[in-house]
Amino acid sequence: MKKKGSGKTRVNGENAEQIADVLKAVAHPLRLQIIDLLCQSNERVSDMADRLDTKQALVSQQLRILRMSGLVETYRADGISRYTLAEPRMNDLIKCVASCKRK
């Protein structure tokens, strides 16, 4: 029987820094909430601000950080800017982290 966790590591010297950068980018409560919203649908900044009950300027500031990290993208539809996840697998990360129990 194979031991749990045996085999090759998924984190190594080549990708550890990149993984840490992604985790740093999402390591903020509002950014986590924004990513969670974008896991469900593409959104306008004003709609995200309303759904998160916060100021639009604050949502925009956090979106800028996520955009600079390459985690979200913007596109225009019918003259309106919308945000979408650049990496749809972020949904898996959010599910995993949300299900972790603190001891």
C-alpha atoms as a PDB file:
ATOM      1  CA  MET A   1       0.000   0.000   0.000  1.00  0.00           C
ATOM      2  CA  LYS A   2       1.293   3.433  -0.981  1.00  0.00           C
ATOM      3  CA  LYS A   3       1.782   5.977   1.764  1.00  0.00           C
ATOM      4  CA  LYS A   4      -0.321   9.099   1.485  1.00  0.00           C
ATOM      5  CA  GLY A   5       1.749  11.887   0.013  1.00  0.00           C
ATOM      6  CA  SER A   6       4.442   9.626  -1.343  1.00  0.00           C
ATOM      7  CA  GLY A   7       5.839  10.424  -4.749  1.00  0.00           C
ATOM      8  CA  LYS A   8       7.070  13.572  -6.373  1.00  0.00           C
ATOM      9  CA  THR A   9       6.472  16.885  -4.688  1.00  0.00           C
ATOM     10  CA  ARG A  10       4.326  19.430  -6.519  1.00  0.00           C
ATOM     11  CA  VAL A  11       6.194  22.356  -4.963  1.00  0.00           C
ATOM     12  CA  ASN A  12       9.830  22.747  -5.867  1.00  0.00           C
ATOM     13  CA  GLY A  13      12.442  25.447  -6.268  1.00  0.00           C
ATOM     14  CA  GLU A  14      11.192  26.294  -9.735  1.00  0.00           C
ATOM     15  CA  ASN A  15       7.557  26.921  -8.888  1.00  0.00           C
ATOM     16  CA  ALA A  16       7.566  27.682  -5.141  1.00  0.00           C
ATOM     17  CA  GLU A  17       7.983  31.421  -5.695  1.00  0.00           C
ATOM     18  CA  GLN A  18       5.188  31.523  -8.269  1.00  0.00           C
ATOM     19  CA  ILE A  19       2.861  29.600  -5.945  1.00  0.00           C
ATOM     20  CA  ALA A  20       3.743  31.926  -3.055  1.00  0.00           C
ATOM     21  CA  ASP A  21       2.953  34.955  -5.252  1.00  0.00           C
ATOM     22  CA  VAL A  22      -0.510  33.563  -6.038  1.00  0.00           C
ATOM     23  CA  LEU A  23      -1.170  32.880  -2.364  1.00  0.00           C
ATOM     24  CA  LYS A  24      -0.007  36.392  -1.427  1.00  0.00           C
ATOM     25  CA  ALA A  25      -2.348  37.869  -4.026  1.00  0.00           C
ATOM     26  CA  VAL A  26      -5.377  36.114  -2.551  1.00  0.00           C
ATOM     27  CA  ALA A  27      -4.314  36.553   1.090  1.00  0.00           C
ATOM     28  CA  HIS A  28      -6.777  39.347   1.795  1.00  0.00           C
ATOM     29  CA  PRO A  29     -10.405  38.881   2.875  1.00  0.00           C
ATOM     30  CA  LEU A  30     -11.875  41.198   0.226  1.00  0.00           C
ATOM     31  CA  ARG A  31      -9.759  39.710  -2.572  1.00  0.00           C
ATOM     32  CA  LEU A  32     -10.914  36.220  -1.537  1.00  0.00           C
ATOM     33  CA  GLN A  33     -14.526  37.390  -1.679  1.00  0.00           C
ATOM     34  CA  ILE A  34     -13.968  38.965  -5.103  1.00  0.00           C
ATOM     35  CA  ILE A  35     -12.460  35.758  -6.444  1.00  0.00           C
ATOM     36  CA  ASP A  36     -15.356  33.794  -4.984  1.00  0.00           C
ATOM     37  CA  LEU A  37     -17.828  36.064  -6.803  1.00  0.00           C
ATOM     38  CA  LEU A  38     -15.888  35.679 -10.046  1.00  0.00           C
ATOM     39  CA  CYS A  39     -15.936  31.895  -9.627  1.00  0.00           C
ATOM     40  CA  GLN A  40     -19.710  32.168  -9.953  1.00  0.00           C
ATOM     41  CA  SER A  41     -19.997  34.707 -12.787  1.00  0.00           C
ATOM     42  CA  ASN A  42     -18.301  37.570 -14.587  1.00  0.00           C
ATOM     43  CA  GLU A  43     -19.033  40.834 -12.822  1.00  0.00           C
ATOM     44  CA  ARG A  44     -18.937  44.614 -13.122  1.00  0.00           C
ATOM     45  CA  VAL A  45     -17.111  46.526 -10.400  1.00  0.00           C
ATOM     46  CA  SER A  46     -20.301  48.273  -9.284  1.00  0.00           C
ATOM     47  CA  ASP A  47     -22.170  44.968  -8.985  1.00  0.00           C
ATOM     48  CA  MET A  48     -19.344  43.438  -6.949  1.00  0.00           C
ATOM     49  CA  ALA A  49     -19.317  46.456  -4.637  1.00  0.00           C
ATOM     50  CA  ASP A  50     -23.078  46.126  -4.108  1.00  0.00           C
ATOM     51  CA  ARG A  51     -22.918  42.372  -3.485  1.00  0.00           C
ATOM     52  CA  LEU A  52     -19.988  42.782  -1.077  1.00  0.00           C
ATOM     53  CA  ASP A  53     -21.543  45.830   0.605  1.00  0.00           C
ATOM     54  CA  THR A  54     -18.392  47.887   0.205  1.00  0.00           C
ATOM     55  CA  LYS A  55     -17.232  50.931  -1.712  1.00  0.00           C
ATOM     56  CA  GLN A  56     -16.583  50.649  -5.429  1.00  0.00           C
ATOM     57  CA  ALA A  57     -13.179  52.344  -5.046  1.00  0.00           C
ATOM     58  CA  LEU A  58     -12.071  49.666  -2.580  1.00  0.00           C
ATOM     59  CA  VAL A  59     -13.201  46.859  -4.901  1.00  0.00           C
ATOM     60  CA  SER A  60     -11.368  48.533  -7.797  1.00  0.00           C
ATOM     61  CA  GLN A  61      -8.198  48.773  -5.721  1.00  0.00           C
ATOM     62  CA  GLN A  62      -8.303  45.067  -4.882  1.00  0.00           C
ATOM     63  CA  LEU A  63      -9.115  44.150  -8.483  1.00  0.00           C
ATOM     64  CA  ARG A  64      -6.031  46.051  -9.607  1.00  0.00           C
ATOM     65  CA  ILE A  65      -3.881  43.854  -7.353  1.00  0.00           C
ATOM     66  CA  LEU A  66      -5.555  40.703  -8.669  1.00  0.00           C
ATOM     67  CA  ARG A  67      -5.152  41.910 -12.259  1.00  0.00           C
ATOM     68  CA  MET A  68      -1.462  42.712 -11.745  1.00  0.00           C
ATOM     69  CA  SER A  69      -1.029  39.201 -10.319  1.00  0.00           C
ATOM     70  CA  GLY A  70      -2.592  37.741 -13.450  1.00  0.00           C
ATOM     71  CA  LEU A  71      -5.506  36.191 -11.570  1.00  0.00           C
ATOM     72  CA  VAL A  72      -8.309  38.262 -13.111  1.00  0.00           C
ATOM     73  CA  GLU A  73      -8.853  39.835 -16.507  1.00  0.00           C
ATOM     74  CA  THR A  74     -11.132  42.536 -17.778  1.00  0.00           C
ATOM     75  CA  TYR A  75     -13.123  42.652 -20.992  1.00  0.00           C
ATOM     76  CA  ARG A  76     -15.751  44.918 -22.498  1.00  0.00           C
ATOM     77  CA  ALA A  77     -19.223  43.745 -23.426  1.00  0.00           C
ATOM     78  CA  ASP A  78     -21.787  46.205 -24.733  1.00  0.00           C
ATOM     79  CA  GLY A  79     -19.530  49.075 -23.647  1.00  0.00           C
ATOM     80  CA  ILE A  80     -19.361  47.832 -20.051  1.00  0.00           C
ATOM     81  CA  SER A  81     -16.170  46.549 -18.416  1.00  0.00           C
ATOM     82  CA  ARG A  82     -16.514  43.198 -16.707  1.00  0.00           C
ATOM     83  CA  TYR A  83     -14.075  41.095 -14.743  1.00  0.00           C
ATOM     84  CA  THR A  84     -13.470  37.393 -15.146  1.00  0.00           C
ATOM     85  CA  LEU A  85     -11.066  34.867 -13.679  1.00  0.00           C
ATOM     86  CA  ALA A  86      -7.903  34.457 -15.733  1.00  0.00           C
ATOM     87  CA  GLU A  87      -7.467  31.021 -14.161  1.00  0.00           C
ATOM     88  CA  PRO A  88     -10.754  29.128 -13.694  1.00  0.00           C
ATOM     89  CA  ARG A  89      -9.021  26.623 -11.384  1.00  0.00           C
ATOM     90  CA  MET A  90      -9.035  29.354  -8.714  1.00  0.00           C
ATOM     91  CA  ASN A  91     -12.460  27.923  -7.937  1.00  0.00           C
ATOM     92  CA  ASP A  92     -10.738  24.720  -6.758  1.00  0.00           C
ATOM     93  CA  LEU A  93      -8.387  26.732  -4.538  1.00  0.00           C
ATOM     94  CA  ILE A  94     -11.273  28.637  -2.948  1.00  0.00           C
ATOM     95  CA  LYS A  95     -13.216  25.404  -2.330  1.00  0.00           C
ATOM     96  CA  CYS A  96     -10.154  23.747  -0.800  1.00  0.00           C
ATOM     97  CA  VAL A  97      -9.280  26.642   1.493  1.00  0.00           C
ATOM     98  CA  ALA A  98     -12.913  27.229   2.487  1.00  0.00           C
ATOM     99  CA  SER A  99     -13.264  23.609   3.551  1.00  0.00           C
ATOM    100  CA  CYS A 100     -10.126  23.627   5.745  1.00  0.00           C
ATOM    101  CA  LYS A 101     -10.860  23.575   9.444  1.00  0.00           C
ATOM    102  CA  ARG A 102      -8.718  25.552  11.866  1.00  0.00           C
ATOM    103  CA  LYS A 103      -7.696  23.710  14.992  1.00  0.00           C
END
